[in-house]
N, C-alpha and C. Protein backbone atom coordinates (compact mmCIF):
# COMPACT_ATOMS: atom_id res chain seq x y z
N MET A 1 35.59 27.27 20.31
CA MET A 1 36.26 28.40 19.71
C MET A 1 37.06 27.92 18.50
N ILE A 2 37.09 28.72 17.46
CA ILE A 2 37.79 28.35 16.23
C ILE A 2 39.27 28.66 16.37
N ASN A 3 40.08 27.71 15.97
CA ASN A 3 41.52 27.87 16.03
C ASN A 3 41.97 28.81 14.91
N THR A 4 42.80 29.81 15.22
CA THR A 4 43.22 30.79 14.22
C THR A 4 44.16 30.19 13.18
N ILE A 5 44.85 29.11 13.52
CA ILE A 5 45.72 28.46 12.55
C ILE A 5 44.89 27.85 11.42
N LEU A 6 43.73 27.30 11.78
CA LEU A 6 42.85 26.74 10.75
C LEU A 6 42.30 27.83 9.85
N LEU A 7 42.00 28.98 10.41
CA LEU A 7 41.50 30.09 9.59
C LEU A 7 42.57 30.61 8.64
N ALA A 8 43.81 30.58 9.06
CA ALA A 8 44.90 31.04 8.20
C ALA A 8 45.14 30.08 7.04
N ALA A 9 44.77 28.82 7.21
CA ALA A 9 45.02 27.82 6.17
C ALA A 9 43.94 27.84 5.09
N THR A 10 42.81 28.45 5.35
CA THR A 10 41.75 28.46 4.35
C THR A 10 42.07 29.43 3.24
N GLN A 11 41.53 29.15 2.09
CA GLN A 11 41.78 30.00 0.94
C GLN A 11 40.78 31.15 0.92
N PRO A 12 41.24 32.38 0.77
CA PRO A 12 40.31 33.51 0.83
C PRO A 12 39.43 33.67 -0.42
N THR A 13 39.85 33.10 -1.53
CA THR A 13 39.07 33.23 -2.76
C THR A 13 38.78 31.85 -3.33
N VAL A 14 37.78 31.77 -4.16
CA VAL A 14 37.43 30.53 -4.83
C VAL A 14 38.23 30.45 -6.13
N PRO A 15 38.88 29.31 -6.40
CA PRO A 15 39.63 29.23 -7.66
C PRO A 15 38.70 29.26 -8.87
N GLN A 16 39.20 29.77 -9.95
CA GLN A 16 38.41 29.91 -11.17
C GLN A 16 38.17 28.53 -11.78
N THR A 17 36.92 28.22 -12.09
CA THR A 17 36.58 26.95 -12.73
C THR A 17 36.02 27.23 -14.12
N ILE A 18 35.88 26.19 -14.88
CA ILE A 18 35.42 26.33 -16.26
C ILE A 18 33.92 26.64 -16.27
N SER A 19 33.50 27.45 -17.22
CA SER A 19 32.08 27.76 -17.34
C SER A 19 31.42 26.73 -18.26
N TRP A 20 30.09 26.68 -18.21
CA TRP A 20 29.34 25.71 -18.99
C TRP A 20 29.48 26.00 -20.48
N SER A 21 29.68 24.97 -21.27
CA SER A 21 29.80 25.10 -22.72
C SER A 21 29.29 23.81 -23.37
N PRO A 22 29.11 23.81 -24.69
CA PRO A 22 28.71 22.57 -25.35
C PRO A 22 29.75 21.45 -25.20
N GLN A 23 31.02 21.79 -25.07
CA GLN A 23 32.05 20.78 -24.84
C GLN A 23 31.83 20.08 -23.50
N VAL A 24 31.53 20.85 -22.48
CA VAL A 24 31.28 20.29 -21.15
C VAL A 24 30.04 19.40 -21.20
N ALA A 25 29.00 19.85 -21.87
CA ALA A 25 27.77 19.05 -21.99
C ALA A 25 28.04 17.74 -22.72
N ALA A 26 28.84 17.79 -23.77
CA ALA A 26 29.16 16.58 -24.53
C ALA A 26 29.97 15.59 -23.68
N ILE A 27 30.91 16.09 -22.90
CA ILE A 27 31.73 15.22 -22.06
C ILE A 27 30.87 14.55 -20.99
N ILE A 28 30.01 15.30 -20.34
CA ILE A 28 29.17 14.73 -19.29
C ILE A 28 28.15 13.76 -19.89
N SER A 29 27.58 14.09 -21.03
CA SER A 29 26.63 13.18 -21.67
C SER A 29 27.31 11.87 -22.09
N ALA A 30 28.50 11.98 -22.66
CA ALA A 30 29.22 10.77 -23.07
C ALA A 30 29.61 9.92 -21.88
N SER A 31 30.01 10.55 -20.79
CA SER A 31 30.38 9.76 -19.61
C SER A 31 29.15 9.09 -19.00
N CYS A 32 28.00 9.75 -19.02
CA CYS A 32 26.77 9.12 -18.52
C CYS A 32 26.39 7.91 -19.35
N LEU A 33 26.48 8.03 -20.66
CA LEU A 33 26.15 6.88 -21.52
C LEU A 33 27.15 5.74 -21.36
N LEU A 34 28.42 6.07 -21.22
CA LEU A 34 29.43 5.04 -21.02
C LEU A 34 29.20 4.30 -19.71
N ILE A 35 28.91 5.02 -18.65
CA ILE A 35 28.65 4.39 -17.36
C ILE A 35 27.38 3.54 -17.43
N LEU A 36 26.36 4.00 -18.16
CA LEU A 36 25.14 3.20 -18.31
C LEU A 36 25.45 1.89 -19.03
N LEU A 37 26.27 1.93 -20.06
CA LEU A 37 26.66 0.70 -20.76
C LEU A 37 27.44 -0.24 -19.85
N ILE A 38 28.36 0.31 -19.07
CA ILE A 38 29.16 -0.51 -18.16
C ILE A 38 28.29 -1.08 -17.05
N ALA A 39 27.42 -0.25 -16.49
CA ALA A 39 26.59 -0.68 -15.36
C ALA A 39 25.60 -1.75 -15.76
N SER A 40 25.04 -1.65 -16.96
CA SER A 40 24.05 -2.64 -17.37
C SER A 40 24.67 -4.02 -17.54
N ARG A 41 25.97 -4.07 -17.74
CA ARG A 41 26.63 -5.36 -17.88
C ARG A 41 27.31 -5.82 -16.59
N SER A 42 27.53 -4.92 -15.64
CA SER A 42 28.26 -5.30 -14.44
C SER A 42 27.39 -5.42 -13.19
N ILE A 43 26.19 -4.84 -13.18
CA ILE A 43 25.29 -4.98 -12.05
C ILE A 43 24.73 -6.40 -12.06
N LYS A 44 24.68 -7.02 -10.90
CA LYS A 44 24.27 -8.42 -10.83
C LYS A 44 22.85 -8.64 -11.36
N TYR A 45 21.90 -7.81 -10.93
CA TYR A 45 20.52 -7.92 -11.38
C TYR A 45 20.06 -6.56 -11.91
N PRO A 46 20.44 -6.18 -13.13
CA PRO A 46 20.11 -4.84 -13.63
C PRO A 46 18.65 -4.65 -14.01
N GLN A 47 17.90 -5.74 -14.16
CA GLN A 47 16.52 -5.61 -14.61
C GLN A 47 15.51 -5.99 -13.53
N VAL A 48 15.92 -5.91 -12.27
CA VAL A 48 15.02 -6.21 -11.16
C VAL A 48 14.44 -4.91 -10.65
N GLY A 49 13.13 -4.86 -10.52
CA GLY A 49 12.46 -3.67 -10.05
C GLY A 49 11.64 -3.03 -11.15
N ALA A 50 11.21 -1.81 -10.90
CA ALA A 50 10.40 -1.08 -11.89
C ALA A 50 11.22 -0.84 -13.15
N LYS A 51 10.63 -1.13 -14.29
CA LYS A 51 11.34 -1.00 -15.57
C LYS A 51 11.12 0.38 -16.18
N LEU A 52 12.07 0.79 -17.00
CA LEU A 52 11.89 2.01 -17.77
C LEU A 52 10.82 1.75 -18.84
N PRO A 53 10.05 2.76 -19.22
CA PRO A 53 9.00 2.54 -20.21
C PRO A 53 9.51 2.38 -21.64
N VAL A 54 10.80 2.55 -21.86
CA VAL A 54 11.37 2.41 -23.21
C VAL A 54 12.48 1.36 -23.19
N ASN A 55 12.70 0.74 -24.32
CA ASN A 55 13.82 -0.17 -24.47
C ASN A 55 15.00 0.61 -25.03
N LEU A 56 16.13 0.52 -24.36
CA LEU A 56 17.34 1.18 -24.84
C LEU A 56 18.09 0.21 -25.74
N PRO A 57 18.55 0.66 -26.91
CA PRO A 57 19.24 -0.25 -27.84
C PRO A 57 20.48 -0.86 -27.20
N GLY A 58 20.56 -2.17 -27.23
CA GLY A 58 21.71 -2.86 -26.69
C GLY A 58 21.64 -3.11 -25.19
N LEU A 59 20.70 -2.48 -24.51
CA LEU A 59 20.60 -2.64 -23.06
C LEU A 59 19.34 -3.35 -22.62
N GLY A 60 18.37 -3.46 -23.50
CA GLY A 60 17.08 -4.02 -23.11
C GLY A 60 16.29 -2.97 -22.34
N SER A 61 15.72 -3.36 -21.25
CA SER A 61 14.96 -2.44 -20.42
C SER A 61 15.50 -2.47 -19.00
N PRO A 62 16.51 -1.65 -18.69
CA PRO A 62 17.05 -1.66 -17.32
C PRO A 62 16.03 -1.10 -16.33
N SER A 63 16.23 -1.42 -15.07
CA SER A 63 15.32 -0.90 -14.05
C SER A 63 15.58 0.59 -13.83
N VAL A 64 14.62 1.23 -13.19
CA VAL A 64 14.74 2.66 -12.90
C VAL A 64 15.93 2.91 -11.97
N GLY A 65 16.11 2.00 -11.01
CA GLY A 65 17.25 2.14 -10.08
C GLY A 65 18.59 2.07 -10.79
N THR A 66 18.71 1.15 -11.73
CA THR A 66 19.95 1.04 -12.52
C THR A 66 20.20 2.30 -13.32
N PHE A 67 19.14 2.80 -13.94
CA PHE A 67 19.27 4.00 -14.77
C PHE A 67 19.66 5.22 -13.94
N VAL A 68 18.98 5.43 -12.82
CA VAL A 68 19.26 6.60 -11.98
C VAL A 68 20.66 6.52 -11.38
N ALA A 69 21.04 5.34 -10.91
CA ALA A 69 22.38 5.17 -10.34
C ALA A 69 23.46 5.39 -11.40
N SER A 70 23.22 4.90 -12.61
CA SER A 70 24.19 5.09 -13.70
C SER A 70 24.32 6.56 -14.08
N MET A 71 23.20 7.26 -14.14
CA MET A 71 23.26 8.68 -14.49
C MET A 71 23.95 9.50 -13.40
N ALA A 72 23.68 9.17 -12.15
CA ALA A 72 24.33 9.90 -11.05
C ALA A 72 25.84 9.68 -11.07
N PHE A 73 26.26 8.42 -11.20
CA PHE A 73 27.68 8.13 -11.23
C PHE A 73 28.33 8.69 -12.50
N GLY A 74 27.59 8.71 -13.61
CA GLY A 74 28.11 9.30 -14.84
C GLY A 74 28.37 10.79 -14.70
N HIS A 75 27.51 11.48 -13.96
CA HIS A 75 27.74 12.90 -13.71
C HIS A 75 28.97 13.12 -12.83
N VAL A 76 29.17 12.25 -11.84
CA VAL A 76 30.36 12.38 -10.99
C VAL A 76 31.62 12.15 -11.81
N VAL A 77 31.62 11.12 -12.63
CA VAL A 77 32.78 10.82 -13.47
C VAL A 77 32.99 11.94 -14.49
N GLY A 78 31.91 12.42 -15.09
CA GLY A 78 32.01 13.51 -16.07
C GLY A 78 32.55 14.80 -15.45
N ALA A 79 32.11 15.12 -14.25
CA ALA A 79 32.63 16.31 -13.58
C ALA A 79 34.12 16.17 -13.30
N GLY A 80 34.54 14.97 -12.92
CA GLY A 80 35.97 14.74 -12.72
C GLY A 80 36.77 14.88 -14.00
N ILE A 81 36.22 14.39 -15.09
CA ILE A 81 36.90 14.52 -16.39
C ILE A 81 37.00 15.98 -16.79
N VAL A 82 35.91 16.73 -16.63
CA VAL A 82 35.91 18.15 -16.99
C VAL A 82 36.91 18.92 -16.14
N LEU A 83 36.92 18.68 -14.84
CA LEU A 83 37.88 19.38 -13.98
C LEU A 83 39.31 18.99 -14.32
N GLY A 84 39.54 17.72 -14.60
CA GLY A 84 40.89 17.29 -14.96
C GLY A 84 41.36 17.90 -16.27
N LEU A 85 40.50 17.90 -17.27
CA LEU A 85 40.88 18.48 -18.56
C LEU A 85 41.08 19.99 -18.47
N SER A 86 40.27 20.65 -17.64
CA SER A 86 40.44 22.10 -17.50
C SER A 86 41.72 22.43 -16.73
N ASN A 87 42.10 21.58 -15.77
CA ASN A 87 43.37 21.81 -15.06
C ASN A 87 44.57 21.57 -15.97
N LEU A 88 44.43 20.66 -16.93
CA LEU A 88 45.50 20.43 -17.89
C LEU A 88 45.57 21.50 -18.96
N GLY A 89 44.51 22.31 -19.05
CA GLY A 89 44.48 23.37 -20.05
C GLY A 89 43.91 22.94 -21.38
N TRP A 90 43.35 21.76 -21.46
CA TRP A 90 42.78 21.27 -22.70
C TRP A 90 41.37 21.73 -22.93
N LEU A 91 40.73 22.24 -21.91
CA LEU A 91 39.36 22.76 -22.00
C LEU A 91 39.38 24.21 -21.51
N SER A 92 38.73 25.07 -22.22
CA SER A 92 38.71 26.45 -21.74
C SER A 92 37.32 27.04 -21.88
């Protein structure tokens, strides 16, 4: 059975979040590229495994796993940046 105190603590509405815009896209894209640059230099073996079919300038040819992991973490970091900036009122 659900405790009524827990139900009283839940929020009845969803807080307003920022809508998609070119600013949001630029922030998430920049964070993905930054994380890719950091990951290619900090992962112990970034070029082990299946390689990307293209050479990225300054990175060589990272593995598919490195690229996918960097993009996933870049989206997480970018979403945090967007939410933080929108809570500060710098993004609308």
